[in-house]
Amino acid sequence: MYNLYLDEREAVKESIVRSSIYKQVFYSEYNLGFFKRSKDKCDFCKEFGNRQDKESMREEYDQHHRMKDRVRDLKNIDKNRAKTDCAFPAATFDLDVLVTPKGSAKGF
């Protein structure tokens, strides 16, 4: 956001404040903050990360990650195609931000 602020101020030829002052104004006067979201992890990855004996799940975990990488590649292929082919719409959603009842993923 600070970069947008810089661009705007330069466009109208007005003075610019340091990024530390910019952030302080957002924190104190507007009660807004800046943070980087942590990566979402599925139940399987969380379980693997919490296990003491990871080797018993290693093969399944590696297969899980290969599948995850393959799905990410397919998503990127679709995104790139949608950019050039107007007859191919594509959409992605972060289901974590939807307001829905919370339940265990293992129940599905």
Protein backbone atom coordinates (compact mmCIF):
# COMPACT_ATOMS: atom_id res chain seq x y z
CA MET A 1 0.00 0.00 0.00
CA TYR A 2 2.89 2.32 0.68
CA ASN A 3 3.92 2.03 -2.97
CA LEU A 4 0.43 3.11 -4.03
CA TYR A 5 0.73 6.06 -1.67
CA LEU A 6 4.08 6.99 -3.25
CA ASP A 7 2.63 6.82 -6.75
CA GLU A 8 -0.35 8.96 -5.79
CA ARG A 9 1.75 11.60 -4.04
CA GLU A 10 4.19 11.82 -6.94
CA ALA A 11 1.33 12.14 -9.42
CA VAL A 12 -0.02 15.21 -7.63
CA LYS A 13 3.47 16.54 -6.79
CA GLU A 14 2.99 16.49 -3.02
CA SER A 15 5.47 15.67 -0.29
CA ILE A 16 6.05 12.09 0.83
CA VAL A 17 6.51 10.70 4.34
CA ARG A 18 8.73 7.76 5.28
CA SER A 19 7.16 4.31 5.36
CA SER A 20 7.53 4.15 9.15
CA ILE A 21 5.41 7.27 9.56
CA TYR A 22 2.90 5.97 7.02
CA LYS A 23 2.50 2.73 8.99
CA GLN A 24 2.31 4.57 12.32
CA VAL A 25 -0.61 6.64 11.03
CA PHE A 26 -2.45 3.51 9.93
CA TYR A 27 -1.78 1.74 13.23
CA SER A 28 -2.64 4.59 15.57
CA GLU A 29 -5.12 6.86 13.81
CA TYR A 30 -7.07 4.36 11.73
CA ASN A 31 -6.54 1.25 13.86
CA LEU A 32 -5.46 -0.70 10.77
CA GLY A 33 -2.52 -3.05 10.55
CA PHE A 34 -0.33 -4.75 8.01
CA PHE A 35 0.33 -8.45 8.18
CA LYS A 36 1.21 -11.33 5.94
CA ARG A 37 -1.18 -14.23 6.15
CA SER A 38 0.29 -17.56 7.03
CA LYS A 39 -0.07 -20.39 4.56
CA ASP A 40 -3.18 -22.47 4.94
CA LYS A 41 -2.52 -26.11 5.68
CA CYS A 42 -4.88 -29.00 5.21
CA ASP A 43 -5.66 -31.43 8.02
CA PHE A 44 -3.27 -34.01 6.57
CA CYS A 45 -0.32 -31.59 6.49
CA LYS A 46 -1.11 -30.38 10.02
CA GLU A 47 -1.25 -33.94 11.28
CA PHE A 48 2.04 -34.79 9.60
CA GLY A 49 3.70 -31.70 11.04
CA ASN A 50 2.59 -32.59 14.56
CA ARG A 51 3.65 -36.25 14.46
CA GLN A 52 6.73 -37.49 16.26
CA ASP A 53 7.05 -40.50 13.93
CA LYS A 54 6.95 -38.87 10.51
CA GLU A 55 8.54 -41.80 8.68
CA SER A 56 5.42 -43.94 9.04
CA MET A 57 3.53 -41.36 6.94
CA ARG A 58 6.39 -40.19 4.72
CA GLU A 59 5.32 -41.99 1.52
CA GLU A 60 1.71 -40.86 1.85
CA TYR A 61 2.87 -37.31 2.65
CA ASP A 62 5.16 -37.21 -0.40
CA GLN A 63 2.33 -38.45 -2.61
CA HIS A 64 0.05 -35.81 -1.10
CA HIS A 65 2.57 -33.08 -1.98
CA ARG A 66 3.04 -34.38 -5.51
CA MET A 67 -0.74 -34.20 -5.99
CA LYS A 68 -0.85 -30.71 -4.48
CA ASP A 69 1.88 -29.54 -6.87
CA ARG A 70 0.09 -31.12 -9.83
CA VAL A 71 -3.18 -29.39 -8.93
CA ARG A 72 -1.36 -26.06 -8.56
CA ASP A 73 0.19 -26.55 -12.01
CA LEU A 74 -3.23 -27.30 -13.51
CA LYS A 75 -4.68 -24.19 -11.87
CA ASN A 76 -1.90 -22.06 -13.35
CA ILE A 77 -2.49 -23.56 -16.79
CA ASP A 78 -6.18 -22.65 -16.53
CA LYS A 79 -5.38 -19.14 -15.28
CA ASN A 80 -3.02 -18.51 -18.18
CA ARG A 81 -5.50 -19.89 -20.70
CA ALA A 82 -8.27 -17.69 -19.28
CA LYS A 83 -6.06 -14.63 -19.79
CA THR A 84 -5.77 -15.29 -23.52
CA ASP A 85 -9.00 -17.14 -24.34
CA CYS A 86 -12.14 -15.14 -23.52
CA ALA A 87 -14.27 -18.26 -24.15
CA PHE A 88 -12.52 -19.99 -21.22
CA PRO A 89 -13.54 -18.36 -17.94
CA ALA A 90 -11.68 -19.39 -14.80
CA ALA A 91 -12.16 -18.43 -11.17
CA THR A 92 -10.41 -19.31 -7.94
CA PHE A 93 -11.72 -18.88 -4.43
CA ASP A 94 -10.11 -18.77 -1.02
CA LEU A 95 -12.68 -20.74 0.91
CA ASP A 96 -11.01 -19.77 4.17
CA VAL A 97 -12.53 -16.29 4.04
CA LEU A 98 -16.13 -17.39 3.44
CA VAL A 99 -18.45 -17.04 6.40
CA THR A 100 -19.70 -20.60 6.74
CA PRO A 101 -20.32 -23.00 9.59
CA LYS A 102 -17.10 -24.63 10.71
CA GLY A 103 -16.76 -28.38 10.63
CA SER A 104 -14.11 -31.02 10.46
CA ALA A 105 -12.82 -31.69 6.96
CA LYS A 106 -12.54 -35.36 7.89
CA GLY A 107 -16.33 -35.56 8.12
CA PHE A 108 -16.75 -35.07 4.38
